[in-house]
Amino acid sequence: MFAAERIAGDDAEELSGEVEKWIERNLGRDYLWPGNIRELEQCVRNCLVRGEYHPRQPATPERDAARRWLAEAEAGTLTADELVSHYCRWVYGQVGTYEGTAERIGLDRRTVKRKIIE
């Protein structure tokens, strides 16, 4: 509410409730706030001034790789095997195990492992 008080003054309490609802609806209760308090303050400011907030998603090698293979998939330049291999690697990066990846995407664990290693 501190950021809301600095921006909105007497209306801060009412507006901070609106910002809380916006955050819950658009980012969810489990949002990790990678920028910690500075990101939260930026979110509050943006919601109060613009009515919205778009978190900055830092570029990561995984995200860049996913963008590349998704662009190739959209262009139709990947074979089915290549597409499955990329997808298995991407899900494995999130899940961290062959078993979890296989369960999530509905393939056999051995198939997932082979596709990731290829």
N, C-alpha and C. Protein backbone atom coordinates (compact mmCIF):
# COMPACT_ATOMS: atom_id res chain seq x y z
N MET A 1 0.82 -1.19 0.00
CA MET A 1 0.00 0.00 0.00
C MET A 1 0.86 1.25 0.00
N PHE A 2 2.11 1.14 0.42
CA PHE A 2 3.01 2.29 0.47
C PHE A 2 3.14 2.97 -0.89
N ALA A 3 3.36 2.17 -1.95
CA ALA A 3 3.46 2.74 -3.29
C ALA A 3 2.15 3.39 -3.69
N ALA A 4 1.04 2.76 -3.34
CA ALA A 4 -0.27 3.33 -3.65
C ALA A 4 -0.47 4.65 -2.93
N GLU A 5 -0.02 4.75 -1.69
CA GLU A 5 -0.15 6.01 -0.94
C GLU A 5 0.64 7.12 -1.60
N ARG A 6 1.85 6.80 -2.07
CA ARG A 6 2.67 7.83 -2.71
C ARG A 6 2.03 8.32 -4.01
N ILE A 7 1.34 7.44 -4.70
CA ILE A 7 0.76 7.82 -6.00
C ILE A 7 -0.65 8.37 -5.85
N ALA A 8 -1.47 7.72 -5.02
CA ALA A 8 -2.89 8.05 -4.98
C ALA A 8 -3.33 8.85 -3.76
N GLY A 9 -2.47 9.00 -2.78
CA GLY A 9 -2.83 9.78 -1.60
C GLY A 9 -3.99 9.17 -0.83
N ASP A 10 -5.06 9.95 -0.62
CA ASP A 10 -6.19 9.52 0.20
C ASP A 10 -6.96 8.33 -0.39
N ASP A 11 -6.90 8.15 -1.68
CA ASP A 11 -7.61 7.05 -2.33
C ASP A 11 -6.81 5.75 -2.35
N ALA A 12 -5.68 5.73 -1.69
CA ALA A 12 -4.76 4.60 -1.77
C ALA A 12 -5.39 3.29 -1.30
N GLU A 13 -6.13 3.33 -0.21
CA GLU A 13 -6.68 2.09 0.31
C GLU A 13 -7.63 1.43 -0.69
N GLU A 14 -8.53 2.23 -1.23
CA GLU A 14 -9.48 1.70 -2.21
C GLU A 14 -8.76 1.21 -3.46
N LEU A 15 -7.81 1.99 -3.96
CA LEU A 15 -7.09 1.62 -5.17
C LEU A 15 -6.17 0.43 -4.96
N SER A 16 -5.59 0.30 -3.76
CA SER A 16 -4.71 -0.84 -3.52
C SER A 16 -5.52 -2.14 -3.55
N GLY A 17 -6.77 -2.08 -3.12
CA GLY A 17 -7.63 -3.26 -3.23
C GLY A 17 -7.87 -3.65 -4.69
N GLU A 18 -8.06 -2.65 -5.53
CA GLU A 18 -8.24 -2.91 -6.96
C GLU A 18 -6.97 -3.51 -7.57
N VAL A 19 -5.81 -2.99 -7.15
CA VAL A 19 -4.54 -3.51 -7.65
C VAL A 19 -4.36 -4.96 -7.21
N GLU A 20 -4.68 -5.25 -5.96
CA GLU A 20 -4.59 -6.63 -5.46
C GLU A 20 -5.47 -7.57 -6.30
N LYS A 21 -6.68 -7.13 -6.60
CA LYS A 21 -7.57 -7.95 -7.42
C LYS A 21 -6.99 -8.16 -8.82
N TRP A 22 -6.42 -7.08 -9.39
CA TRP A 22 -5.82 -7.19 -10.72
C TRP A 22 -4.67 -8.19 -10.69
N ILE A 23 -3.80 -8.11 -9.69
CA ILE A 23 -2.66 -9.02 -9.57
C ILE A 23 -3.15 -10.46 -9.47
N GLU A 24 -4.12 -10.69 -8.60
CA GLU A 24 -4.62 -12.06 -8.42
C GLU A 24 -5.23 -12.60 -9.70
N ARG A 25 -5.98 -11.76 -10.40
CA ARG A 25 -6.66 -12.18 -11.62
C ARG A 25 -5.68 -12.40 -12.78
N ASN A 26 -4.65 -11.57 -12.90
CA ASN A 26 -3.77 -11.61 -14.06
C ASN A 26 -2.43 -12.31 -13.84
N LEU A 27 -1.91 -12.27 -12.63
CA LEU A 27 -0.63 -12.90 -12.36
C LEU A 27 -0.77 -14.13 -11.47
N GLY A 28 -1.80 -14.14 -10.64
CA GLY A 28 -2.03 -15.26 -9.74
C GLY A 28 -1.32 -15.11 -8.41
N ARG A 29 -1.84 -15.80 -7.44
CA ARG A 29 -1.28 -15.74 -6.08
C ARG A 29 0.13 -16.31 -6.00
N ASP A 30 0.47 -17.21 -6.93
CA ASP A 30 1.76 -17.88 -6.88
C ASP A 30 2.85 -17.18 -7.70
N TYR A 31 2.57 -15.98 -8.20
CA TYR A 31 3.58 -15.27 -8.98
C TYR A 31 4.81 -15.05 -8.11
N LEU A 32 6.00 -15.32 -8.65
CA LEU A 32 7.22 -15.34 -7.84
C LEU A 32 7.88 -13.98 -7.64
N TRP A 33 7.48 -12.94 -8.33
CA TRP A 33 8.06 -11.62 -8.22
C TRP A 33 9.58 -11.68 -8.32
N PRO A 34 10.08 -12.03 -9.52
CA PRO A 34 11.53 -12.18 -9.67
C PRO A 34 12.31 -10.90 -9.39
N GLY A 35 11.69 -9.75 -9.51
CA GLY A 35 12.37 -8.49 -9.19
C GLY A 35 12.16 -8.06 -7.75
N ASN A 36 11.55 -8.93 -6.95
CA ASN A 36 11.27 -8.68 -5.54
C ASN A 36 10.44 -7.42 -5.35
N ILE A 37 10.77 -6.61 -4.35
CA ILE A 37 9.94 -5.45 -3.99
C ILE A 37 9.92 -4.41 -5.11
N ARG A 38 11.02 -4.27 -5.85
CA ARG A 38 11.04 -3.29 -6.93
C ARG A 38 10.03 -3.64 -8.02
N GLU A 39 9.92 -4.92 -8.32
CA GLU A 39 8.94 -5.32 -9.34
C GLU A 39 7.52 -5.12 -8.83
N LEU A 40 7.29 -5.43 -7.57
CA LEU A 40 5.96 -5.23 -6.99
C LEU A 40 5.58 -3.75 -7.04
N GLU A 41 6.51 -2.87 -6.68
CA GLU A 41 6.24 -1.43 -6.73
C GLU A 41 5.95 -0.99 -8.16
N GLN A 42 6.71 -1.50 -9.11
CA GLN A 42 6.48 -1.16 -10.52
C GLN A 42 5.10 -1.64 -10.96
N CYS A 43 4.72 -2.82 -10.52
CA CYS A 43 3.41 -3.36 -10.86
C CYS A 43 2.31 -2.45 -10.30
N VAL A 44 2.45 -2.07 -9.04
CA VAL A 44 1.44 -1.19 -8.42
C VAL A 44 1.34 0.12 -9.18
N ARG A 45 2.48 0.73 -9.48
CA ARG A 45 2.48 1.99 -10.23
C ARG A 45 1.77 1.83 -11.57
N ASN A 46 2.15 0.79 -12.31
CA ASN A 46 1.55 0.58 -13.64
C ASN A 46 0.06 0.32 -13.54
N CYS A 47 -0.36 -0.45 -12.57
CA CYS A 47 -1.79 -0.73 -12.41
C CYS A 47 -2.55 0.54 -12.06
N LEU A 48 -1.98 1.37 -11.21
CA LEU A 48 -2.66 2.60 -10.82
C LEU A 48 -2.72 3.60 -11.96
N VAL A 49 -1.65 3.71 -12.72
CA VAL A 49 -1.58 4.71 -13.78
C VAL A 49 -2.20 4.21 -15.08
N ARG A 50 -1.86 2.96 -15.47
CA ARG A 50 -2.29 2.43 -16.77
C ARG A 50 -3.40 1.39 -16.69
N GLY A 51 -3.60 0.87 -15.49
CA GLY A 51 -4.62 -0.17 -15.32
C GLY A 51 -4.15 -1.54 -15.73
N GLU A 52 -2.84 -1.69 -15.96
CA GLU A 52 -2.29 -2.98 -16.35
C GLU A 52 -0.80 -3.02 -16.04
N TYR A 53 -0.25 -4.24 -16.06
CA TYR A 53 1.18 -4.43 -15.84
C TYR A 53 1.63 -5.61 -16.68
N HIS A 54 2.74 -5.47 -17.34
CA HIS A 54 3.30 -6.55 -18.15
C HIS A 54 4.68 -6.88 -17.60
N PRO A 55 4.80 -7.99 -16.87
CA PRO A 55 6.10 -8.35 -16.31
C PRO A 55 7.13 -8.53 -17.42
N ARG A 56 8.31 -8.05 -17.15
CA ARG A 56 9.40 -8.23 -18.10
C ARG A 56 9.93 -9.64 -17.91
N GLN A 57 9.96 -10.39 -18.97
CA GLN A 57 10.47 -11.75 -18.90
C GLN A 57 11.88 -11.75 -19.46
N PRO A 58 12.86 -11.94 -18.58
CA PRO A 58 14.24 -11.90 -19.06
C PRO A 58 14.51 -13.01 -20.06
N ALA A 59 15.36 -12.70 -21.01
CA ALA A 59 15.75 -13.72 -21.99
C ALA A 59 16.60 -14.77 -21.31
N THR A 60 16.31 -16.00 -21.59
CA THR A 60 17.11 -17.11 -21.08
C THR A 60 17.46 -17.99 -22.26
N PRO A 61 18.55 -18.75 -22.15
CA PRO A 61 18.87 -19.65 -23.26
C PRO A 61 17.72 -20.60 -23.59
N GLU A 62 17.01 -21.08 -22.57
CA GLU A 62 15.89 -21.99 -22.81
C GLU A 62 14.77 -21.29 -23.56
N ARG A 63 14.46 -20.07 -23.15
CA ARG A 63 13.38 -19.34 -23.81
C ARG A 63 13.75 -19.00 -25.25
N ASP A 64 15.01 -18.61 -25.48
CA ASP A 64 15.46 -18.31 -26.83
C ASP A 64 15.41 -19.56 -27.70
N ALA A 65 15.84 -20.69 -27.16
CA ALA A 65 15.79 -21.95 -27.92
C ALA A 65 14.35 -22.32 -28.25
N ALA A 66 13.45 -22.15 -27.29
CA ALA A 66 12.04 -22.46 -27.53
C ALA A 66 11.47 -21.56 -28.62
N ARG A 67 11.83 -20.29 -28.60
CA ARG A 67 11.35 -19.39 -29.66
C ARG A 67 11.83 -19.84 -31.03
N ARG A 68 13.08 -20.28 -31.09
CA ARG A 68 13.63 -20.72 -32.39
C ARG A 68 12.89 -21.94 -32.90
N TRP A 69 12.74 -22.97 -32.06
CA TRP A 69 12.10 -24.18 -32.57
C TRP A 69 10.61 -23.98 -32.81
N LEU A 70 9.98 -23.09 -32.04
CA LEU A 70 8.58 -22.79 -32.32
C LEU A 70 8.43 -22.05 -33.65
N ALA A 71 9.36 -21.15 -33.93
CA ALA A 71 9.34 -20.45 -35.22
C ALA A 71 9.55 -21.43 -36.37
N GLU A 72 10.47 -22.38 -36.17
CA GLU A 72 10.69 -23.40 -37.20
C GLU A 72 9.44 -24.27 -37.37
N ALA A 73 8.79 -24.59 -36.27
CA ALA A 73 7.57 -25.39 -36.34
C ALA A 73 6.48 -24.63 -37.09
N GLU A 74 6.33 -23.34 -36.79
CA GLU A 74 5.33 -22.53 -37.49
C GLU A 74 5.63 -22.43 -38.98
N ALA A 75 6.92 -22.40 -39.31
CA ALA A 75 7.32 -22.30 -40.72
C ALA A 75 7.21 -23.65 -41.42
N GLY A 76 7.01 -24.72 -40.66
CA GLY A 76 6.89 -26.04 -41.25
C GLY A 76 8.22 -26.63 -41.68
N THR A 77 9.32 -26.21 -41.05
CA THR A 77 10.63 -26.68 -41.47
C THR A 77 11.18 -27.80 -40.59
N LEU A 78 10.42 -28.24 -39.59
CA LEU A 78 10.86 -29.33 -38.73
C LEU A 78 10.18 -30.63 -39.14
N THR A 79 10.92 -31.72 -39.01
CA THR A 79 10.28 -33.02 -39.18
C THR A 79 9.51 -33.33 -37.91
N ALA A 80 8.66 -34.32 -37.96
CA ALA A 80 7.89 -34.72 -36.77
C ALA A 80 8.84 -35.16 -35.66
N ASP A 81 9.89 -35.92 -36.01
CA ASP A 81 10.86 -36.36 -35.01
C ASP A 81 11.57 -35.17 -34.35
N GLU A 82 11.95 -34.20 -35.16
CA GLU A 82 12.62 -33.01 -34.61
C GLU A 82 11.68 -32.25 -33.68
N LEU A 83 10.45 -32.12 -34.09
CA LEU A 83 9.47 -31.41 -33.27
C LEU A 83 9.27 -32.12 -31.92
N VAL A 84 9.14 -33.43 -31.95
CA VAL A 84 8.96 -34.19 -30.71
C VAL A 84 10.20 -34.08 -29.84
N SER A 85 11.38 -34.14 -30.44
CA SER A 85 12.62 -34.01 -29.66
C SER A 85 12.71 -32.65 -28.98
N HIS A 86 12.44 -31.60 -29.71
CA HIS A 86 12.47 -30.26 -29.12
C HIS A 86 11.46 -30.14 -27.99
N TYR A 87 10.27 -30.63 -28.23
CA TYR A 87 9.22 -30.54 -27.22
C TYR A 87 9.59 -31.34 -25.97
N CYS A 88 10.13 -32.53 -26.16
CA CYS A 88 10.56 -33.34 -25.00
C CYS A 88 11.64 -32.61 -24.20
N ARG A 89 12.60 -32.00 -24.88
CA ARG A 89 13.65 -31.25 -24.18
C ARG A 89 13.06 -30.07 -23.41
N TRP A 90 12.12 -29.40 -24.03
CA TRP A 90 11.52 -28.23 -23.40
C TRP A 90 10.76 -28.63 -22.13
N VAL A 91 9.95 -29.68 -22.23
CA VAL A 91 9.19 -30.14 -21.06
C VAL A 91 10.14 -30.69 -20.00
N TYR A 92 11.16 -31.41 -20.43
CA TYR A 92 12.15 -31.94 -19.49
C TYR A 92 12.82 -30.79 -18.72
N GLY A 93 13.09 -29.69 -19.39
CA GLY A 93 13.68 -28.52 -18.72
C GLY A 93 12.78 -27.98 -17.63
N GLN A 94 11.49 -28.13 -17.77
CA GLN A 94 10.55 -27.67 -16.75
C GLN A 94 10.37 -28.70 -15.64
N VAL A 95 10.29 -29.96 -16.02
CA VAL A 95 9.96 -31.03 -15.08
C VAL A 95 11.20 -31.59 -14.39
N GLY A 96 12.27 -31.80 -15.15
CA GLY A 96 13.53 -32.24 -14.58
C GLY A 96 13.75 -33.75 -14.52
N THR A 97 12.75 -34.55 -14.92
CA THR A 97 12.93 -36.00 -14.92
C THR A 97 12.32 -36.58 -16.19
N TYR A 98 12.89 -37.72 -16.62
CA TYR A 98 12.33 -38.41 -17.78
C TYR A 98 10.92 -38.91 -17.46
N GLU A 99 10.75 -39.44 -16.25
CA GLU A 99 9.45 -39.98 -15.87
C GLU A 99 8.37 -38.89 -15.85
N GLY A 100 8.70 -37.76 -15.23
CA GLY A 100 7.74 -36.66 -15.17
C GLY A 100 7.40 -36.11 -16.55
N THR A 101 8.43 -36.02 -17.38
CA THR A 101 8.21 -35.55 -18.75
C THR A 101 7.31 -36.51 -19.50
N ALA A 102 7.61 -37.79 -19.39
CA ALA A 102 6.80 -38.81 -20.08
C ALA A 102 5.35 -38.75 -19.62
N GLU A 103 5.16 -38.62 -18.33
CA GLU A 103 3.79 -38.55 -17.80
C GLU A 103 3.06 -37.33 -18.31
N ARG A 104 3.75 -36.20 -18.33
CA ARG A 104 3.10 -34.96 -18.75
C ARG A 104 2.71 -34.97 -20.23
N ILE A 105 3.55 -35.54 -21.08
CA ILE A 105 3.25 -35.45 -22.52
C ILE A 105 2.69 -36.75 -23.10
N GLY A 106 2.56 -37.76 -22.27
CA GLY A 106 1.89 -38.97 -22.72
C GLY A 106 2.72 -39.89 -23.60
N LEU A 107 4.02 -39.91 -23.35
CA LEU A 107 4.90 -40.83 -24.06
C LEU A 107 5.56 -41.77 -23.06
N ASP A 108 6.12 -42.84 -23.57
CA ASP A 108 6.86 -43.78 -22.75
C ASP A 108 8.17 -43.11 -22.28
N ARG A 109 8.62 -43.43 -21.06
CA ARG A 109 9.84 -42.84 -20.50
C ARG A 109 11.06 -43.11 -21.38
N ARG A 110 11.16 -44.30 -21.92
CA ARG A 110 12.30 -44.64 -22.79
C ARG A 110 12.28 -43.80 -24.07
N THR A 111 11.09 -43.57 -24.60
CA THR A 111 10.97 -42.74 -25.81
C THR A 111 11.39 -41.32 -25.50
N VAL A 112 10.95 -40.79 -24.37
CA VAL A 112 11.32 -39.43 -23.97
C VAL A 112 12.83 -39.32 -23.83
N LYS A 113 13.44 -40.27 -23.14
CA LYS A 113 14.89 -40.23 -22.93
C LYS A 113 15.62 -40.26 -24.27
N ARG A 114 15.19 -41.12 -25.17
CA ARG A 114 15.83 -41.22 -26.49
C ARG A 114 15.68 -39.90 -27.26
N LYS A 115 14.51 -39.30 -27.21
CA LYS A 115 14.27 -38.04 -27.92
C LYS A 115 15.11 -36.89 -27.35
N ILE A 116 15.31 -36.90 -26.04
CA ILE A 116 16.10 -35.86 -25.40
C ILE A 116 17.58 -36.01 -25.74
N ILE A 117 18.05 -37.24 -25.77
CA ILE A 117 19.46 -37.50 -26.03
C ILE A 117 19.84 -37.32 -27.49
N GLU A 118 18.90 -37.54 -28.41
CA GLU A 118 19.17 -37.45 -29.85
C GLU A 118 19.84 -36.16 -30.23
